[in-house]
Amino acid sequence: MYEHVNKDLVVLGDTKCSYCKEGIQLLKGRGTSFRIFYIDQDPSVRKAFDTLKVDGVPVLISRK
């Protein structure tokens, strides 16, 4: 899913998540290149998120 993303970070988030919104603002403020995928908007993103076996969002995946 995110193998071809040309950014420093991949973020998995939810459109209703306040932590995700705060994290995105922090990343933007620091000038970090990232791409966000929303688990509540794309079933394939949700499926990838579920395979990670994490407790919640946001999830940051380093591409470096």
Protein backbone atom coordinates (compact mmCIF):
# COMPACT_ATOMS: atom_id res chain seq x y z
CA MET A 1 0.00 0.00 0.00
CA TYR A 2 2.62 2.57 1.00
CA GLU A 3 5.70 1.00 -0.58
CA HIS A 4 5.72 3.61 -3.34
CA VAL A 5 5.22 6.66 -1.13
CA ASN A 6 8.01 9.16 -1.69
CA LYS A 7 7.85 10.81 1.76
CA ASP A 8 9.83 10.53 5.01
CA LEU A 9 6.83 9.27 6.98
CA VAL A 10 3.61 7.45 6.35
CA VAL A 11 0.87 8.26 8.86
CA LEU A 12 -2.12 6.02 9.44
CA GLY A 13 -4.91 8.00 11.02
CA ASP A 14 -8.64 8.50 11.41
CA THR A 15 -10.47 11.62 10.27
CA LYS A 16 -12.17 11.94 13.69
CA CYS A 17 -8.97 11.48 15.75
CA SER A 18 -7.85 14.59 17.62
CA TYR A 19 -4.38 13.11 18.21
CA CYS A 20 -4.04 12.58 14.47
CA LYS A 21 -4.97 16.20 13.78
CA GLU A 22 -2.48 17.46 16.38
CA GLY A 23 0.23 15.16 15.04
CA ILE A 24 -0.32 16.33 11.48
CA GLN A 25 -0.01 19.96 12.56
CA LEU A 26 3.21 19.14 14.42
CA LEU A 27 4.68 17.39 11.38
CA LYS A 28 3.69 20.28 9.11
CA GLY A 29 5.21 22.77 11.55
CA ARG A 30 8.50 20.89 11.53
CA GLY A 31 8.54 20.66 7.74
CA THR A 32 8.44 16.87 7.74
CA SER A 33 7.45 15.26 4.47
CA PHE A 34 4.64 12.79 5.06
CA ARG A 35 1.60 11.21 3.54
CA ILE A 36 -1.47 10.33 5.57
CA PHE A 37 -3.80 7.43 4.93
CA TYR A 38 -7.14 7.35 6.74
CA ILE A 39 -8.34 4.01 8.09
CA ASP A 40 -11.95 5.20 8.17
CA GLN A 41 -11.98 6.17 4.48
CA ASP A 42 -10.25 3.29 2.72
CA PRO A 43 -10.87 -0.39 3.46
CA SER A 44 -7.40 -1.37 2.17
CA VAL A 45 -5.81 1.07 4.62
CA ARG A 46 -7.92 -0.37 7.44
CA LYS A 47 -6.80 -3.87 6.47
CA ALA A 48 -3.12 -2.82 6.51
CA PHE A 49 -3.67 -1.11 9.88
CA ASP A 50 -5.25 -4.26 11.33
CA THR A 51 -2.23 -6.36 10.33
CA LEU A 52 0.02 -4.11 12.44
CA LYS A 53 -1.76 -5.20 15.64
CA VAL A 54 -1.48 -1.75 17.24
CA ASP A 55 -3.91 -0.25 19.74
CA GLY A 56 -4.84 2.92 17.92
CA VAL A 57 -3.96 5.83 15.70
CA PRO A 58 -1.97 7.75 14.77
CA VAL A 59 0.65 5.30 13.56
CA LEU A 60 3.84 6.72 12.06
CA ILE A 61 5.92 4.55 9.76
CA SER A 62 9.39 5.77 8.85
CA ARG A 63 10.33 5.50 5.19
CA LYS A 64 14.03 6.23 5.79
